[in-house]
Amino acid sequence: MSRLSVDVHLAPDELSSSLRRDAKRGLTASPKFMPPKWLYDERGSDLFEAITRQPEYYPTESERSLLRTVAKQIAATTKSDTLVELGSGTSDKTRV
């Protein structure tokens, strides 16, 4: 059985340069926009995580249940040993 590992590849200056790039792109667009990744601080992320665990918010548990059922098949079919998921929040489903 393989050991789970989560790697984050982000250079120290990439966060601020990414924010500047996204802000410039969004504020010069019509209509203006800002990627939601910049709208959540730690408390906001915790609140969103709590929302996704409510019975009324079915997508997260539906996806998690589906992954529990077919993740091994997906990995075997694709012959993949690495998963890259961008914007996965707590990476809860990624671990499945």
PDB file of N, CA and C in Angstrom:
ATOM      1  N   MET A   1       0.842  -1.179   0.000  1.00  0.00           N
ATOM      2  CA  MET A   1       0.000   0.000   0.000  1.00  0.00           C
ATOM      3  C   MET A   1       0.885   1.239   0.000  1.00  0.00           C
ATOM      4  N   SER A   2       0.558   2.185  -0.857  1.00  0.00           N
ATOM      5  CA  SER A   2       1.386   3.385  -0.936  1.00  0.00           C
ATOM      6  C   SER A   2       1.021   4.361   0.174  1.00  0.00           C
ATOM      7  N   ARG A   3       1.966   5.174   0.524  1.00  0.00           N
ATOM      8  CA  ARG A   3       1.774   6.173   1.575  1.00  0.00           C
ATOM      9  C   ARG A   3       1.261   7.468   0.962  1.00  0.00           C
ATOM     10  N   LEU A   4       0.302   8.070   1.615  1.00  0.00           N
ATOM     11  CA  LEU A   4      -0.279   9.319   1.146  1.00  0.00           C
ATOM     12  C   LEU A   4       0.679  10.469   1.385  1.00  0.00           C
ATOM     13  N   SER A   5       0.843  11.306   0.389  1.00  0.00           N
ATOM     14  CA  SER A   5       1.624  12.521   0.590  1.00  0.00           C
ATOM     15  C   SER A   5       0.964  13.653  -0.181  1.00  0.00           C
ATOM     16  N   VAL A   6       1.017  14.829   0.397  1.00  0.00           N
ATOM     17  CA  VAL A   6       0.493  16.023  -0.248  1.00  0.00           C
ATOM     18  C   VAL A   6       1.640  17.011  -0.349  1.00  0.00           C
ATOM     19  N   ASP A   7       1.986  17.401  -1.551  1.00  0.00           N
ATOM     20  CA  ASP A   7       3.074  18.344  -1.775  1.00  0.00           C
ATOM     21  C   ASP A   7       2.492  19.667  -2.258  1.00  0.00           C
ATOM     22  N   VAL A   8       3.018  20.748  -1.748  1.00  0.00           N
ATOM     23  CA  VAL A   8       2.636  22.077  -2.196  1.00  0.00           C
ATOM     24  C   VAL A   8       3.871  22.717  -2.808  1.00  0.00           C
ATOM     25  N   HIS A   9       3.745  23.144  -4.045  1.00  0.00           N
ATOM     26  CA  HIS A   9       4.875  23.749  -4.749  1.00  0.00           C
ATOM     27  C   HIS A   9       4.549  25.218  -5.000  1.00  0.00           C
ATOM     28  N   LEU A  10       4.991  26.070  -4.102  1.00  0.00           N
ATOM     29  CA  LEU A  10       4.705  27.489  -4.206  1.00  0.00           C
ATOM     30  C   LEU A  10       5.906  28.259  -3.690  1.00  0.00           C
ATOM     31  N   ALA A  11       6.541  28.984  -4.567  1.00  0.00           N
ATOM     32  CA  ALA A  11       7.687  29.805  -4.166  1.00  0.00           C
ATOM     33  C   ALA A  11       7.189  30.978  -3.332  1.00  0.00           C
ATOM     34  N   PRO A  12       8.028  31.506  -2.450  1.00  0.00           N
ATOM     35  CA  PRO A  12       7.605  32.582  -1.541  1.00  0.00           C
ATOM     36  C   PRO A  12       6.972  33.794  -2.227  1.00  0.00           C
ATOM     37  N   ASP A  13       7.466  34.177  -3.381  1.00  0.00           N
ATOM     38  CA  ASP A  13       6.920  35.370  -4.035  1.00  0.00           C
ATOM     39  C   ASP A  13       5.729  35.071  -4.943  1.00  0.00           C
ATOM     40  N   GLU A  14       5.407  33.802  -5.150  1.00  0.00           N
ATOM     41  CA  GLU A  14       4.334  33.454  -6.076  1.00  0.00           C
ATOM     42  C   GLU A  14       2.949  33.879  -5.585  1.00  0.00           C
ATOM     43  N   LEU A  15       2.714  33.844  -4.286  1.00  0.00           N
ATOM     44  CA  LEU A  15       1.409  34.224  -3.762  1.00  0.00           C
ATOM     45  C   LEU A  15       1.101  35.686  -4.077  1.00  0.00           C
ATOM     46  N   SER A  16       2.018  36.584  -3.765  1.00  0.00           N
ATOM     47  CA  SER A  16       1.753  38.005  -4.011  1.00  0.00           C
ATOM     48  C   SER A  16       1.724  38.317  -5.507  1.00  0.00           C
ATOM     49  N   SER A  17       2.575  37.709  -6.290  1.00  0.00           N
ATOM     50  CA  SER A  17       2.551  37.988  -7.729  1.00  0.00           C
ATOM     51  C   SER A  17       1.280  37.425  -8.366  1.00  0.00           C
ATOM     52  N   SER A  18       0.807  36.300  -7.869  1.00  0.00           N
ATOM     53  CA  SER A  18      -0.444  35.726  -8.375  1.00  0.00           C
ATOM     54  C   SER A  18      -1.628  36.619  -8.033  1.00  0.00           C
ATOM     55  N   LEU A  19      -1.653  37.156  -6.803  1.00  0.00           N
ATOM     56  CA  LEU A  19      -2.717  38.080  -6.410  1.00  0.00           C
ATOM     57  C   LEU A  19      -2.696  39.324  -7.298  1.00  0.00           C
ATOM     58  N   ARG A  20      -1.526  39.913  -7.508  1.00  0.00           N
ATOM     59  CA  ARG A  20      -1.429  41.099  -8.367  1.00  0.00           C
ATOM     60  C   ARG A  20      -1.909  40.800  -9.787  1.00  0.00           C
ATOM     61  N   ARG A  21      -1.501  39.677 -10.330  1.00  0.00           N
ATOM     62  CA  ARG A  21      -1.881  39.292 -11.693  1.00  0.00           C
ATOM     63  C   ARG A  21      -3.407  39.105 -11.791  1.00  0.00           C
ATOM     64  N   ASP A  22      -3.979  38.371 -10.822  1.00  0.00           N
ATOM     65  CA  ASP A  22      -5.422  38.134 -10.838  1.00  0.00           C
ATOM     66  C   ASP A  22      -6.204  39.426 -10.650  1.00  0.00           C
ATOM     67  N   ALA A  23      -5.738  40.308  -9.749  1.00  0.00           N
ATOM     68  CA  ALA A  23      -6.423  41.581  -9.516  1.00  0.00           C
ATOM     69  C   ALA A  23      -6.391  42.437 -10.776  1.00  0.00           C
ATOM     70  N   LYS A  24      -5.252  42.531 -11.415  1.00  0.00           N
ATOM     71  CA  LYS A  24      -5.140  43.343 -12.637  1.00  0.00           C
ATOM     72  C   LYS A  24      -6.051  42.793 -13.727  1.00  0.00           C
ATOM     73  N   ARG A  25      -6.018  41.483 -13.915  1.00  0.00           N
ATOM     74  CA  ARG A  25      -6.852  40.862 -14.949  1.00  0.00           C
ATOM     75  C   ARG A  25      -8.335  41.096 -14.648  1.00  0.00           C
ATOM     76  N   GLY A  26      -8.735  40.880 -13.396  1.00  0.00           N
ATOM     77  CA  GLY A  26     -10.142  41.005 -13.032  1.00  0.00           C
ATOM     78  C   GLY A  26     -10.659  42.423 -13.024  1.00  0.00           C
ATOM     79  N   LEU A  27      -9.833  43.355 -12.574  1.00  0.00           N
ATOM     80  CA  LEU A  27     -10.289  44.743 -12.473  1.00  0.00           C
ATOM     81  C   LEU A  27     -10.262  45.485 -13.795  1.00  0.00           C
ATOM     82  N   THR A  28      -9.557  44.944 -14.785  1.00  0.00           N
ATOM     83  CA  THR A  28      -9.554  45.562 -16.109  1.00  0.00           C
ATOM     84  C   THR A  28     -10.527  44.869 -17.059  1.00  0.00           C
ATOM     85  N   ALA A  29     -11.184  43.814 -16.587  1.00  0.00           N
ATOM     86  CA  ALA A  29     -12.144  43.080 -17.414  1.00  0.00           C
ATOM     87  C   ALA A  29     -13.517  43.757 -17.349  1.00  0.00           C
ATOM     88  N   SER A  30     -14.376  43.376 -18.270  1.00  0.00           N
ATOM     89  CA  SER A  30     -15.751  43.857 -18.244  1.00  0.00           C
ATOM     90  C   SER A  30     -16.671  42.662 -18.476  1.00  0.00           C
ATOM     91  N   PRO A  31     -17.429  42.258 -17.516  1.00  0.00           N
ATOM     92  CA  PRO A  31     -17.547  42.832 -16.173  1.00  0.00           C
ATOM     93  C   PRO A  31     -16.334  42.474 -15.318  1.00  0.00           C
ATOM     94  N   LYS A  32     -16.121  43.258 -14.298  1.00  0.00           N
ATOM     95  CA  LYS A  32     -15.000  43.033 -13.386  1.00  0.00           C
ATOM     96  C   LYS A  32     -15.240  41.762 -12.578  1.00  0.00           C
ATOM     97  N   PHE A  33     -14.175  41.094 -12.200  1.00  0.00           N
ATOM     98  CA  PHE A  33     -14.302  39.871 -11.407  1.00  0.00           C
ATOM     99  C   PHE A  33     -13.050  39.699 -10.568  1.00  0.00           C
ATOM    100  N   MET A  34     -13.142  38.837  -9.606  1.00  0.00           N
ATOM    101  CA  MET A  34     -11.989  38.448  -8.791  1.00  0.00           C
ATOM    102  C   MET A  34     -12.151  36.964  -8.506  1.00  0.00           C
ATOM    103  N   PRO A  35     -11.138  36.159  -8.777  1.00  0.00           N
ATOM    104  CA  PRO A  35     -11.250  34.736  -8.493  1.00  0.00           C
ATOM    105  C   PRO A  35     -11.597  34.495  -7.020  1.00  0.00           C
ATOM    106  N   PRO A  36     -12.524  33.583  -6.751  1.00  0.00           N
ATOM    107  CA  PRO A  36     -12.977  33.368  -5.379  1.00  0.00           C
ATOM    108  C   PRO A  36     -11.882  32.913  -4.416  1.00  0.00           C
ATOM    109  N   LYS A  37     -10.772  32.403  -4.926  1.00  0.00           N
ATOM    110  CA  LYS A  37      -9.695  31.972  -4.020  1.00  0.00           C
ATOM    111  C   LYS A  37      -9.173  33.122  -3.168  1.00  0.00           C
ATOM    112  N   TRP A  38      -9.374  34.370  -3.622  1.00  0.00           N
ATOM    113  CA  TRP A  38      -8.888  35.523  -2.874  1.00  0.00           C
ATOM    114  C   TRP A  38      -9.933  36.065  -1.896  1.00  0.00           C
ATOM    115  N   LEU A  39     -11.117  35.488  -1.880  1.00  0.00           N
ATOM    116  CA  LEU A  39     -12.201  36.012  -1.066  1.00  0.00           C
ATOM    117  C   LEU A  39     -12.332  35.327   0.291  1.00  0.00           C
ATOM    118  N   TYR A  40     -11.555  34.314   0.540  1.00  0.00           N
ATOM    119  CA  TYR A  40     -11.680  33.551   1.772  1.00  0.00           C
ATOM    120  C   TYR A  40     -10.427  33.675   2.623  1.00  0.00           C
ATOM    121  N   ASP A  41     -10.596  34.193   3.825  1.00  0.00           N
ATOM    122  CA  ASP A  41      -9.507  34.113   4.791  1.00  0.00           C
ATOM    123  C   ASP A  41      -9.693  32.790   5.545  1.00  0.00           C
ATOM    124  N   GLU A  42      -8.929  32.551   6.584  1.00  0.00           N
ATOM    125  CA  GLU A  42      -9.015  31.277   7.290  1.00  0.00           C
ATOM    126  C   GLU A  42     -10.421  31.041   7.854  1.00  0.00           C
ATOM    127  N   ARG A  43     -11.013  32.084   8.436  1.00  0.00           N
ATOM    128  CA  ARG A  43     -12.362  31.952   9.005  1.00  0.00           C
ATOM    129  C   ARG A  43     -13.384  31.666   7.909  1.00  0.00           C
ATOM    130  N   GLY A  44     -13.279  32.359   6.789  1.00  0.00           N
ATOM    131  CA  GLY A  44     -14.189  32.123   5.676  1.00  0.00           C
ATOM    132  C   GLY A  44     -14.060  30.714   5.136  1.00  0.00           C
ATOM    133  N   SER A  45     -12.847  30.221   5.055  1.00  0.00           N
ATOM    134  CA  SER A  45     -12.624  28.847   4.599  1.00  0.00           C
ATOM    135  C   SER A  45     -13.240  27.850   5.571  1.00  0.00           C
ATOM    136  N   ASP A  46     -13.092  28.118   6.876  1.00  0.00           N
ATOM    137  CA  ASP A  46     -13.694  27.239   7.894  1.00  0.00           C
ATOM    138  C   ASP A  46     -15.223  27.237   7.763  1.00  0.00           C
ATOM    139  N   LEU A  47     -15.801  28.426   7.538  1.00  0.00           N
ATOM    140  CA  LEU A  47     -17.252  28.508   7.383  1.00  0.00           C
ATOM    141  C   LEU A  47     -17.718  27.748   6.141  1.00  0.00           C
ATOM    142  N   PHE A  48     -17.005  27.914   5.029  1.00  0.00           N
ATOM    143  CA  PHE A  48     -17.390  27.196   3.816  1.00  0.00           C
ATOM    144  C   PHE A  48     -17.281  25.690   4.024  1.00  0.00           C
ATOM    145  N   GLU A  49     -16.229  25.251   4.698  1.00  0.00           N
ATOM    146  CA  GLU A  49     -16.061  23.824   4.996  1.00  0.00           C
ATOM    147  C   GLU A  49     -17.237  23.325   5.831  1.00  0.00           C
ATOM    148  N   ALA A  50     -17.690  24.109   6.809  1.00  0.00           N
ATOM    149  CA  ALA A  50     -18.840  23.723   7.627  1.00  0.00           C
ATOM    150  C   ALA A  50     -20.111  23.632   6.769  1.00  0.00           C
ATOM    151  N   ILE A  51     -20.262  24.562   5.833  1.00  0.00           N
ATOM    152  CA  ILE A  51     -21.423  24.530   4.937  1.00  0.00           C
ATOM    153  C   ILE A  51     -21.423  23.251   4.116  1.00  0.00           C
ATOM    154  N   THR A  52     -20.250  22.859   3.592  1.00  0.00           N
ATOM    155  CA  THR A  52     -20.195  21.672   2.731  1.00  0.00           C
ATOM    156  C   THR A  52     -20.490  20.386   3.496  1.00  0.00           C
ATOM    157  N   ARG A  53     -20.465  20.433   4.813  1.00  0.00           N
ATOM    158  CA  ARG A  53     -20.766  19.243   5.619  1.00  0.00           C
ATOM    159  C   ARG A  53     -22.233  19.159   6.039  1.00  0.00           C
ATOM    160  N   GLN A  54     -23.040  20.153   5.645  1.00  0.00           N
ATOM    161  CA  GLN A  54     -24.461  20.138   5.965  1.00  0.00           C
ATOM    162  C   GLN A  54     -25.199  19.202   5.006  1.00  0.00           C
ATOM    163  N   PRO A  55     -26.242  18.513   5.501  1.00  0.00           N
ATOM    164  CA  PRO A  55     -26.994  17.589   4.632  1.00  0.00           C
ATOM    165  C   PRO A  55     -27.593  18.279   3.408  1.00  0.00           C
ATOM    166  N   GLU A  56     -27.943  19.556   3.541  1.00  0.00           N
ATOM    167  CA  GLU A  56     -28.539  20.290   2.430  1.00  0.00           C
ATOM    168  C   GLU A  56     -27.554  20.560   1.303  1.00  0.00           C
ATOM    169  N   TYR A  57     -26.285  20.529   1.624  1.00  0.00           N
ATOM    170  CA  TYR A  57     -25.251  20.785   0.616  1.00  0.00           C
ATOM    171  C   TYR A  57     -24.751  19.426   0.121  1.00  0.00           C
ATOM    172  N   TYR A  58     -25.451  18.885  -0.857  1.00  0.00           N
ATOM    173  CA  TYR A  58     -25.197  17.510  -1.288  1.00  0.00           C
ATOM    174  C   TYR A  58     -23.979  17.296  -2.194  1.00  0.00           C
ATOM    175  N   PRO A  59     -23.461  18.281  -2.942  1.00  0.00           N
ATOM    176  CA  PRO A  59     -22.379  17.972  -3.891  1.00  0.00           C
ATOM    177  C   PRO A  59     -21.152  17.328  -3.255  1.00  0.00           C
ATOM    178  N   THR A  60     -20.691  17.847  -2.125  1.00  0.00           N
ATOM    179  CA  THR A  60     -19.456  17.334  -1.535  1.00  0.00           C
ATOM    180  C   THR A  60     -19.599  15.873  -1.138  1.00  0.00           C
ATOM    181  N   GLU A  61     -20.663  15.528  -0.420  1.00  0.00           N
ATOM    182  CA  GLU A  61     -20.831  14.139   0.005  1.00  0.00           C
ATOM    183  C   GLU A  61     -21.117  13.225  -1.175  1.00  0.00           C
ATOM    184  N   SER A  62     -21.837  13.721  -2.183  1.00  0.00           N
ATOM    185  CA  SER A  62     -22.084  12.915  -3.388  1.00  0.00           C
ATOM    186  C   SER A  62     -20.771  12.588  -4.090  1.00  0.00           C
ATOM    187  N   GLU A  63     -19.910  13.593  -4.230  1.00  0.00           N
ATOM    188  CA  GLU A  63     -18.606  13.372  -4.871  1.00  0.00           C
ATOM    189  C   GLU A  63     -17.752  12.427  -4.032  1.00  0.00           C
ATOM    190  N   ARG A  64     -17.731  12.633  -2.710  1.00  0.00           N
ATOM    191  CA  ARG A  64     -16.940  11.788  -1.825  1.00  0.00           C
ATOM    192  C   ARG A  64     -17.426  10.328  -1.909  1.00  0.00           C
ATOM    193  N   SER A  65     -18.730  10.129  -1.898  1.00  0.00           N
ATOM    194  CA  SER A  65     -19.307   8.790  -1.983  1.00  0.00           C
ATOM    195  C   SER A  65     -18.947   8.121  -3.313  1.00  0.00           C
ATOM    196  N   LEU A  66     -19.054   8.882  -4.383  1.00  0.00           N
ATOM    197  CA  LEU A  66     -18.689   8.363  -5.703  1.00  0.00           C
ATOM    198  C   LEU A  66     -17.216   7.962  -5.735  1.00  0.00           C
ATOM    199  N   LEU A  67     -16.358   8.815  -5.187  1.00  0.00           N
ATOM    200  CA  LEU A  67     -14.926   8.501  -5.166  1.00  0.00           C
ATOM    201  C   LEU A  67     -14.633   7.247  -4.337  1.00  0.00           C
ATOM    202  N   ARG A  68     -15.312   7.110  -3.193  1.00  0.00           N
ATOM    203  CA  ARG A  68     -15.106   5.901  -2.377  1.00  0.00           C
ATOM    204  C   ARG A  68     -15.437   4.644  -3.173  1.00  0.00           C
ATOM    205  N   THR A  69     -16.433   4.750  -4.040  1.00  0.00           N
ATOM    206  CA  THR A  69     -16.885   3.608  -4.824  1.00  0.00           C
ATOM    207  C   THR A  69     -15.959   3.298  -5.998  1.00  0.00           C
ATOM    208  N   VAL A  70     -15.463   4.322  -6.686  1.00  0.00           N
ATOM    209  CA  VAL A  70     -14.767   4.080  -7.952  1.00  0.00           C
ATOM    210  C   VAL A  70     -13.331   4.591  -8.020  1.00  0.00           C
ATOM    211  N   ALA A  71     -12.795   5.166  -6.948  1.00  0.00           N
ATOM    212  CA  ALA A  71     -11.442   5.735  -7.022  1.00  0.00           C
ATOM    213  C   ALA A  71     -10.406   4.703  -7.451  1.00  0.00           C
ATOM    214  N   LYS A  72     -10.478   3.501  -6.886  1.00  0.00           N
ATOM    215  CA  LYS A  72      -9.496   2.465  -7.254  1.00  0.00           C
ATOM    216  C   LYS A  72      -9.635   2.084  -8.723  1.00  0.00           C
ATOM    217  N   GLN A  73     -10.864   2.014  -9.223  1.00  0.00           N
ATOM    218  CA  GLN A  73     -11.089   1.715 -10.641  1.00  0.00           C
ATOM    219  C   GLN A  73     -10.518   2.813 -11.525  1.00  0.00           C
ATOM    220  N   ILE A  74     -10.745   4.058 -11.135  1.00  0.00           N
ATOM    221  CA  ILE A  74     -10.233   5.185 -11.911  1.00  0.00           C
ATOM    222  C   ILE A  74      -8.709   5.124 -11.970  1.00  0.00           C
ATOM    223  N   ALA A  75      -8.073   4.900 -10.824  1.00  0.00           N
ATOM    224  CA  ALA A  75      -6.614   4.822 -10.785  1.00  0.00           C
ATOM    225  C   ALA A  75      -6.110   3.655 -11.625  1.00  0.00           C
ATOM    226  N   ALA A  76      -6.779   2.497 -11.531  1.00  0.00           N
ATOM    227  CA  ALA A  76      -6.349   1.328 -12.302  1.00  0.00           C
ATOM    228  C   ALA A  76      -6.542   1.544 -13.800  1.00  0.00           C
ATOM    229  N   THR A  77      -7.658   2.124 -14.170  1.00  0.00           N
ATOM    230  CA  THR A  77      -7.952   2.353 -15.586  1.00  0.00           C
ATOM    231  C   THR A  77      -6.995   3.358 -16.201  1.00  0.00           C
ATOM    232  N   THR A  78      -6.692   4.421 -15.477  1.00  0.00           N
ATOM    233  CA  THR A  78      -5.824   5.460 -16.019  1.00  0.00           C
ATOM    234  C   THR A  78      -4.351   5.179 -15.797  1.00  0.00           C
ATOM    235  N   LYS A  79      -4.064   4.187 -14.936  1.00  0.00           N
ATOM    236  CA  LYS A  79      -2.681   3.842 -14.565  1.00  0.00           C
ATOM    237  C   LYS A  79      -1.958   5.046 -13.947  1.00  0.00           C
ATOM    238  N   SER A  80      -2.724   5.881 -13.267  1.00  0.00           N
ATOM    239  CA  SER A  80      -2.163   7.076 -12.639  1.00  0.00           C
ATOM    240  C   SER A  80      -1.678   6.774 -11.236  1.00  0.00           C
ATOM    241  N   ASP A  81      -0.596   7.400 -10.853  1.00  0.00           N
ATOM    242  CA  ASP A  81      -0.132   7.284  -9.475  1.00  0.00           C
ATOM    243  C   ASP A  81       0.008   8.657  -8.824  1.00  0.00           C
ATOM    244  N   THR A  82      -0.378   9.702  -9.563  1.00  0.00           N
ATOM    245  CA  THR A  82      -0.286  11.063  -9.051  1.00  0.00           C
ATOM    246  C   THR A  82      -1.577  11.800  -9.379  1.00  0.00           C
ATOM    247  N   LEU A  83      -2.082  12.537  -8.409  1.00  0.00           N
ATOM    248  CA  LEU A  83      -3.261  13.357  -8.600  1.00  0.00           C
ATOM    249  C   LEU A  83      -2.892  14.795  -8.271  1.00  0.00           C
ATOM    250  N   VAL A  84      -3.213  15.689  -9.172  1.00  0.00           N
ATOM    251  CA  VAL A  84      -3.016  17.108  -8.914  1.00  0.00           C
ATOM    252  C   VAL A  84      -4.395  17.739  -8.919  1.00  0.00           C
ATOM    253  N   GLU A  85      -4.765  18.324  -7.801  1.00  0.00           N
ATOM    254  CA  GLU A  85      -6.050  18.994  -7.719  1.00  0.00           C
ATOM    255  C   GLU A  85      -5.808  20.415  -7.264  1.00  0.00           C
ATOM    256  N   LEU A  86      -6.218  21.349  -8.085  1.00  0.00           N
ATOM    257  CA  LEU A  86      -6.037  22.762  -7.772  1.00  0.00           C
ATOM    258  C   LEU A  86      -7.302  23.294  -7.132  1.00  0.00           C
ATOM    259  N   GLY A  87      -7.163  24.032  -6.064  1.00  0.00           N
ATOM    260  CA  GLY A  87      -8.324  24.620  -5.423  1.00  0.00           C
ATOM    261  C   GLY A  87      -9.198  23.631  -4.695  1.00  0.00           C
ATOM    262  N   SER A  88      -8.600  22.658  -4.069  1.00  0.00           N
ATOM    263  CA  SER A  88      -9.382  21.599  -3.438  1.00  0.00           C
ATOM    264  C   SER A  88      -9.764  21.902  -2.006  1.00  0.00           C
ATOM    265  N   GLY A  89      -9.521  23.082  -1.528  1.00  0.00           N
ATOM    266  CA  GLY A  89      -9.878  23.414  -0.147  1.00  0.00           C
ATOM    267  C   GLY A  89      -9.072  22.593   0.840  1.00  0.00           C
ATOM    268  N   THR A  90      -9.769  21.782   1.621  1.00  0.00           N
ATOM    269  CA  THR A  90      -9.088  20.969   2.634  1.00  0.00           C
ATOM    270  C   THR A  90      -8.509  19.684   2.043  1.00  0.00           C
ATOM    271  N   SER A  91      -8.723  19.462   0.775  1.00  0.00           N
ATOM    272  CA  SER A  91      -8.257  18.254   0.075  1.00  0.00           C
ATOM    273  C   SER A  91      -8.886  16.988   0.639  1.00  0.00           C
ATOM    274  N   ASP A  92     -10.026  17.114   1.258  1.00  0.00           N
ATOM    275  CA  ASP A  92     -10.704  15.981   1.860  1.00  0.00           C
ATOM    276  C   ASP A  92     -11.020  14.897   0.826  1.00  0.00           C
ATOM    277  N   LYS A  93     -11.589  15.297  -0.328  1.00  0.00           N
ATOM    278  CA  LYS A  93     -11.920  14.314  -1.361  1.00  0.00           C
ATOM    279  C   LYS A  93     -10.654  13.806  -2.050  1.00  0.00           C
ATOM    280  N   THR A  94      -9.633  14.630  -2.123  1.00  0.00           N
ATOM    281  CA  THR A  94      -8.391  14.211  -2.760  1.00  0.00           C
ATOM    282  C   THR A  94      -7.805  13.013  -2.021  1.00  0.00           C
ATOM    283  N   ARG A  95      -7.922  13.005  -0.718  1.00  0.00           N
ATOM    284  CA  ARG A  95      -7.385  11.895   0.087  1.00  0.00           C
ATOM    285  C   ARG A  95      -8.079  10.585  -0.228  1.00  0.00           C
ATOM    286  N   VAL A  96      -9.389  10.635  -0.562  1.00  0.00           N
ATOM    287  CA  VAL A  96     -10.119   9.417  -0.925  1.00  0.00           C
ATOM    288  C   VAL A  96      -9.516   8.855  -2.196  1.00  0.00           C
TER     289      VAL A  96
END
